[in-house]
Amino acid sequence: MPKMKGKAGAKKRFKLTGSGRVKREKAYHSHILTKKTTKRKRNLRKSTLVDKADEKRIKTIIS
């Protein structure tokens, strides 16, 4: 049986780190930025790691 395809949308949104954790970008930074504080917008620029509970599922769909 052939391999299952990974999800192209997920591949664009997640990256694997060197240690094997899954990296993601934060949400809420695309529009309606006028009411958000500068500090909040600055913190939304930074990437973060996916929660440990979701890591296994995301690794399967990006592979």
PDB file of N, CA and C in Angstrom:
ATOM      1  N   MET A   1       0.843  -1.183   0.000  1.00  0.00           N
ATOM      2  CA  MET A   1       0.000   0.000   0.000  1.00  0.00           C
ATOM      3  C   MET A   1       0.891   1.249   0.000  1.00  0.00           C
ATOM      4  N   PRO A   2       0.544   2.277  -0.787  1.00  0.00           N
ATOM      5  CA  PRO A   2       1.402   3.474  -0.828  1.00  0.00           C
ATOM      6  C   PRO A   2       1.320   4.284   0.465  1.00  0.00           C
ATOM      7  N   LYS A   3       2.330   5.124   0.638  1.00  0.00           N
ATOM      8  CA  LYS A   3       2.359   5.984   1.830  1.00  0.00           C
ATOM      9  C   LYS A   3       1.241   7.018   1.764  1.00  0.00           C
ATOM     10  N   MET A   4       0.797   7.465   2.932  1.00  0.00           N
ATOM     11  CA  MET A   4      -0.202   8.534   3.000  1.00  0.00           C
ATOM     12  C   MET A   4       0.495   9.861   2.724  1.00  0.00           C
ATOM     13  N   LYS A   5      -0.192  10.758   2.055  1.00  0.00           N
ATOM     14  CA  LYS A   5       0.371  12.086   1.814  1.00  0.00           C
ATOM     15  C   LYS A   5       0.252  12.917   3.077  1.00  0.00           C
ATOM     16  N   GLY A   6       1.246  13.773   3.304  1.00  0.00           N
ATOM     17  CA  GLY A   6       1.159  14.733   4.404  1.00  0.00           C
ATOM     18  C   GLY A   6       0.249  15.876   3.983  1.00  0.00           C
ATOM     19  N   LYS A   7      -0.151  16.704   4.921  1.00  0.00           N
ATOM     20  CA  LYS A   7      -1.024  17.835   4.622  1.00  0.00           C
ATOM     21  C   LYS A   7      -0.178  19.043   4.228  1.00  0.00           C
ATOM     22  N   ALA A   8      -0.382  19.560   3.013  1.00  0.00           N
ATOM     23  CA  ALA A   8       0.426  20.662   2.500  1.00  0.00           C
ATOM     24  C   ALA A   8       0.240  21.928   3.330  1.00  0.00           C
ATOM     25  N   GLY A   9      -0.981  22.158   3.821  1.00  0.00           N
ATOM     26  CA  GLY A   9      -1.233  23.339   4.645  1.00  0.00           C
ATOM     27  C   GLY A   9      -0.474  23.288   5.953  1.00  0.00           C
ATOM     28  N   ALA A  10      -0.370  22.102   6.534  1.00  0.00           N
ATOM     29  CA  ALA A  10       0.355  21.934   7.791  1.00  0.00           C
ATOM     30  C   ALA A  10       1.863  22.081   7.575  1.00  0.00           C
ATOM     31  N   LYS A  11       2.353  21.605   6.440  1.00  0.00           N
ATOM     32  CA  LYS A  11       3.783  21.715   6.127  1.00  0.00           C
ATOM     33  C   LYS A  11       4.222  23.175   6.063  1.00  0.00           C
ATOM     34  N   LYS A  12       3.321  24.042   5.600  1.00  0.00           N
ATOM     35  CA  LYS A  12       3.639  25.464   5.499  1.00  0.00           C
ATOM     36  C   LYS A  12       3.608  26.147   6.864  1.00  0.00           C
ATOM     37  N   ARG A  13       2.874  25.588   7.815  1.00  0.00           N
ATOM     38  CA  ARG A  13       2.675  26.242   9.112  1.00  0.00           C
ATOM     39  C   ARG A  13       3.600  25.766  10.213  1.00  0.00           C
ATOM     40  N   PHE A  14       4.149  24.564  10.093  1.00  0.00           N
ATOM     41  CA  PHE A  14       4.980  23.992  11.158  1.00  0.00           C
ATOM     42  C   PHE A  14       6.348  23.602  10.628  1.00  0.00           C
ATOM     43  N   LYS A  15       7.369  23.752  11.497  1.00  0.00           N
ATOM     44  CA  LYS A  15       8.734  23.324  11.175  1.00  0.00           C
ATOM     45  C   LYS A  15       9.263  22.507  12.343  1.00  0.00           C
ATOM     46  N   LEU A  16      10.134  21.558  12.055  1.00  0.00           N
ATOM     47  CA  LEU A  16      10.761  20.782  13.111  1.00  0.00           C
ATOM     48  C   LEU A  16      12.048  21.469  13.545  1.00  0.00           C
ATOM     49  N   THR A  17      12.286  21.507  14.856  1.00  0.00           N
ATOM     50  CA  THR A  17      13.531  22.066  15.373  1.00  0.00           C
ATOM     51  C   THR A  17      14.598  20.983  15.329  1.00  0.00           C
ATOM     52  N   GLY A  18      15.813  21.346  15.659  1.00  0.00           N
ATOM     53  CA  GLY A  18      16.918  20.388  15.654  1.00  0.00           C
ATOM     54  C   GLY A  18      16.728  19.267  16.654  1.00  0.00           C
ATOM     55  N   SER A  19      16.077  19.573  17.777  1.00  0.00           N
ATOM     56  CA  SER A  19      15.855  18.559  18.814  1.00  0.00           C
ATOM     57  C   SER A  19      14.596  17.742  18.562  1.00  0.00           C
ATOM     58  N   GLY A  20      13.846  18.058  17.488  1.00  0.00           N
ATOM     59  CA  GLY A  20      12.672  17.274  17.136  1.00  0.00           C
ATOM     60  C   GLY A  20      11.358  17.832  17.643  1.00  0.00           C
ATOM     61  N   ARG A  21      11.393  18.992  18.300  1.00  0.00           N
ATOM     62  CA  ARG A  21      10.139  19.627  18.721  1.00  0.00           C
ATOM     63  C   ARG A  21       9.517  20.308  17.499  1.00  0.00           C
ATOM     64  N   VAL A  22       8.251  20.720  17.605  1.00  0.00           N
ATOM     65  CA  VAL A  22       7.549  21.347  16.488  1.00  0.00           C
ATOM     66  C   VAL A  22       7.389  22.833  16.782  1.00  0.00           C
ATOM     67  N   LYS A  23       7.826  23.657  15.828  1.00  0.00           N
ATOM     68  CA  LYS A  23       7.771  25.108  15.978  1.00  0.00           C
ATOM     69  C   LYS A  23       6.586  25.656  15.208  1.00  0.00           C
ATOM     70  N   ARG A  24       5.957  26.714  15.751  1.00  0.00           N
ATOM     71  CA  ARG A  24       4.816  27.329  15.089  1.00  0.00           C
ATOM     72  C   ARG A  24       4.868  28.836  15.285  1.00  0.00           C
ATOM     73  N   GLU A  25       4.115  29.551  14.435  1.00  0.00           N
ATOM     74  CA  GLU A  25       3.958  30.996  14.584  1.00  0.00           C
ATOM     75  C   GLU A  25       2.713  31.266  15.407  1.00  0.00           C
ATOM     76  N   LYS A  26       2.654  32.436  16.025  1.00  0.00           N
ATOM     77  CA  LYS A  26       1.489  32.795  16.838  1.00  0.00           C
ATOM     78  C   LYS A  26       0.390  33.382  15.965  1.00  0.00           C
ATOM     79  N   ALA A  27      -0.843  33.229  16.409  1.00  0.00           N
ATOM     80  CA  ALA A  27      -2.007  33.746  15.693  1.00  0.00           C
ATOM     81  C   ALA A  27      -2.281  35.190  16.111  1.00  0.00           C
ATOM     82  N   TYR A  28      -3.293  35.800  15.503  1.00  0.00           N
ATOM     83  CA  TYR A  28      -3.802  37.145  15.839  1.00  0.00           C
ATOM     84  C   TYR A  28      -2.841  38.271  15.465  1.00  0.00           C
ATOM     85  N   HIS A  29      -2.042  38.076  14.421  1.00  0.00           N
ATOM     86  CA  HIS A  29      -1.128  39.148  14.028  1.00  0.00           C
ATOM     87  C   HIS A  29      -1.295  39.542  12.560  1.00  0.00           C
ATOM     88  N   SER A  30      -2.486  39.273  11.996  1.00  0.00           N
ATOM     89  CA  SER A  30      -2.651  39.550  10.566  1.00  0.00           C
ATOM     90  C   SER A  30      -3.491  40.779  10.272  1.00  0.00           C
ATOM     91  N   HIS A  31      -4.465  41.080  11.108  1.00  0.00           N
ATOM     92  CA  HIS A  31      -5.312  42.256  10.854  1.00  0.00           C
ATOM     93  C   HIS A  31      -5.923  42.743  12.164  1.00  0.00           C
ATOM     94  N   ILE A  32      -6.624  43.859  12.101  1.00  0.00           N
ATOM     95  CA  ILE A  32      -7.189  44.549  13.277  1.00  0.00           C
ATOM     96  C   ILE A  32      -6.075  44.789  14.304  1.00  0.00           C
ATOM     97  N   LEU A  33      -5.008  45.426  13.853  1.00  0.00           N
ATOM     98  CA  LEU A  33      -3.843  45.635  14.712  1.00  0.00           C
ATOM     99  C   LEU A  33      -3.898  46.962  15.456  1.00  0.00           C
ATOM    100  N   THR A  34      -4.830  47.844  15.078  1.00  0.00           N
ATOM    101  CA  THR A  34      -4.845  49.178  15.685  1.00  0.00           C
ATOM    102  C   THR A  34      -5.222  49.126  17.153  1.00  0.00           C
ATOM    103  N   LYS A  35      -6.100  48.220  17.525  1.00  0.00           N
ATOM    104  CA  LYS A  35      -6.527  48.156  18.931  1.00  0.00           C
ATOM    105  C   LYS A  35      -5.587  47.335  19.808  1.00  0.00           C
ATOM    106  N   LYS A  36      -4.624  46.644  19.213  1.00  0.00           N
ATOM    107  CA  LYS A  36      -3.676  45.849  19.981  1.00  0.00           C
ATOM    108  C   LYS A  36      -2.481  46.714  20.378  1.00  0.00           C
ATOM    109  N   THR A  37      -1.989  46.499  21.580  1.00  0.00           N
ATOM    110  CA  THR A  37      -0.868  47.309  22.064  1.00  0.00           C
ATOM    111  C   THR A  37       0.415  46.913  21.336  1.00  0.00           C
ATOM    112  N   THR A  38       1.383  47.821  21.355  1.00  0.00           N
ATOM    113  CA  THR A  38       2.670  47.563  20.700  1.00  0.00           C
ATOM    114  C   THR A  38       3.353  46.355  21.322  1.00  0.00           C
ATOM    115  N   LYS A  39       3.276  46.257  22.631  1.00  0.00           N
ATOM    116  CA  LYS A  39       3.900  45.128  23.340  1.00  0.00           C
ATOM    117  C   LYS A  39       3.284  43.806  22.898  1.00  0.00           C
ATOM    118  N   ARG A  40       1.959  43.794  22.773  1.00  0.00           N
ATOM    119  CA  ARG A  40       1.258  42.574  22.364  1.00  0.00           C
ATOM    120  C   ARG A  40       1.640  42.181  20.943  1.00  0.00           C
ATOM    121  N   LYS A  41       1.698  43.170  20.037  1.00  0.00           N
ATOM    122  CA  LYS A  41       2.064  42.887  18.643  1.00  0.00           C
ATOM    123  C   LYS A  41       3.509  42.403  18.540  1.00  0.00           C
ATOM    124  N   ARG A  42       4.379  42.974  19.339  1.00  0.00           N
ATOM    125  CA  ARG A  42       5.789  42.571  19.336  1.00  0.00           C
ATOM    126  C   ARG A  42       5.929  41.124  19.795  1.00  0.00           C
ATOM    127  N   ASN A  43       5.181  40.744  20.834  1.00  0.00           N
ATOM    128  CA  ASN A  43       5.241  39.364  21.325  1.00  0.00           C
ATOM    129  C   ASN A  43       4.619  38.371  20.346  1.00  0.00           C
ATOM    130  N   LEU A  44       3.684  38.810  19.520  1.00  0.00           N
ATOM    131  CA  LEU A  44       3.077  37.928  18.526  1.00  0.00           C
ATOM    132  C   LEU A  44       4.021  37.627  17.367  1.00  0.00           C
ATOM    133  N   ARG A  45       5.069  38.433  17.192  1.00  0.00           N
ATOM    134  CA  ARG A  45       6.029  38.192  16.120  1.00  0.00           C
ATOM    135  C   ARG A  45       6.862  36.935  16.369  1.00  0.00           C
ATOM    136  N   LYS A  46       7.104  36.635  17.622  1.00  0.00           N
ATOM    137  CA  LYS A  46       7.997  35.534  17.981  1.00  0.00           C
ATOM    138  C   LYS A  46       7.322  34.185  17.725  1.00  0.00           C
ATOM    139  N   SER A  47       8.121  33.218  17.325  1.00  0.00           N
ATOM    140  CA  SER A  47       7.574  31.868  17.152  1.00  0.00           C
ATOM    141  C   SER A  47       7.647  31.143  18.492  1.00  0.00           C
ATOM    142  N   THR A  48       6.902  30.069  18.601  1.00  0.00           N
ATOM    143  CA  THR A  48       6.859  29.296  19.836  1.00  0.00           C
ATOM    144  C   THR A  48       6.755  27.819  19.496  1.00  0.00           C
ATOM    145  N   LEU A  49       6.800  26.979  20.516  1.00  0.00           N
ATOM    146  CA  LEU A  49       6.714  25.545  20.299  1.00  0.00           C
ATOM    147  C   LEU A  49       5.281  25.060  20.473  1.00  0.00           C
ATOM    148  N   VAL A  50       4.952  24.018  19.742  1.00  0.00           N
ATOM    149  CA  VAL A  50       3.641  23.388  19.856  1.00  0.00           C
ATOM    150  C   VAL A  50       3.598  22.641  21.183  1.00  0.00           C
ATOM    151  N   ASP A  51       2.435  22.589  21.798  1.00  0.00           N
ATOM    152  CA  ASP A  51       2.265  21.883  23.064  1.00  0.00           C
ATOM    153  C   ASP A  51       2.602  20.406  22.902  1.00  0.00           C
ATOM    154  N   LYS A  52       3.172  19.841  23.947  1.00  0.00           N
ATOM    155  CA  LYS A  52       3.614  18.443  23.929  1.00  0.00           C
ATOM    156  C   LYS A  52       2.463  17.482  23.566  1.00  0.00           C
ATOM    157  N   ALA A  53       1.249  17.810  24.002  1.00  0.00           N
ATOM    158  CA  ALA A  53       0.093  16.940  23.748  1.00  0.00           C
ATOM    159  C   ALA A  53      -0.257  16.873  22.264  1.00  0.00           C
ATOM    160  N   ASP A  54       0.051  17.923  21.496  1.00  0.00           N
ATOM    161  CA  ASP A  54      -0.305  17.971  20.074  1.00  0.00           C
ATOM    162  C   ASP A  54       0.833  17.562  19.148  1.00  0.00           C
ATOM    163  N   GLU A  55       2.026  17.401  19.702  1.00  0.00           N
ATOM    164  CA  GLU A  55       3.209  17.160  18.874  1.00  0.00           C
ATOM    165  C   GLU A  55       3.100  15.922  17.998  1.00  0.00           C
ATOM    166  N   LYS A  56       2.640  14.821  18.551  1.00  0.00           N
ATOM    167  CA  LYS A  56       2.597  13.561  17.804  1.00  0.00           C
ATOM    168  C   LYS A  56       1.689  13.676  16.582  1.00  0.00           C
ATOM    169  N   ARG A  57       0.502  14.292  16.770  1.00  0.00           N
ATOM    170  CA  ARG A  57      -0.447  14.435  15.656  1.00  0.00           C
ATOM    171  C   ARG A  57       0.150  15.304  14.555  1.00  0.00           C
ATOM    172  N   ILE A  58       0.805  16.393  14.932  1.00  0.00           N
ATOM    173  CA  ILE A  58       1.331  17.314  13.929  1.00  0.00           C
ATOM    174  C   ILE A  58       2.503  16.683  13.178  1.00  0.00           C
ATOM    175  N   LYS A  59       3.330  15.929  13.880  1.00  0.00           N
ATOM    176  CA  LYS A  59       4.453  15.261  13.210  1.00  0.00           C
ATOM    177  C   LYS A  59       3.959  14.294  12.146  1.00  0.00           C
ATOM    178  N   THR A  60       2.841  13.621  12.402  1.00  0.00           N
ATOM    179  CA  THR A  60       2.334  12.671  11.397  1.00  0.00           C
ATOM    180  C   THR A  60       1.792  13.385  10.174  1.00  0.00           C
ATOM    181  N   ILE A  61       1.164  14.541  10.339  1.00  0.00           N
ATOM    182  CA  ILE A  61       0.585  15.210   9.165  1.00  0.00           C
ATOM    183  C   ILE A  61       1.597  16.020   8.379  1.00  0.00           C
ATOM    184  N   ILE A  62       2.757  16.373   8.995  1.00  0.00           N
ATOM    185  CA  ILE A  62       3.758  17.112   8.215  1.00  0.00           C
ATOM    186  C   ILE A  62       4.774  16.191   7.562  1.00  0.00           C
ATOM    187  N   SER A  63       4.752  14.912   7.916  1.00  0.00           N
ATOM    188  CA  SER A  63       5.723  13.989   7.306  1.00  0.00           C
ATOM    189  C   SER A  63       5.218  13.439   5.992  1.00  0.00           C
TER     190      SER A  63
END
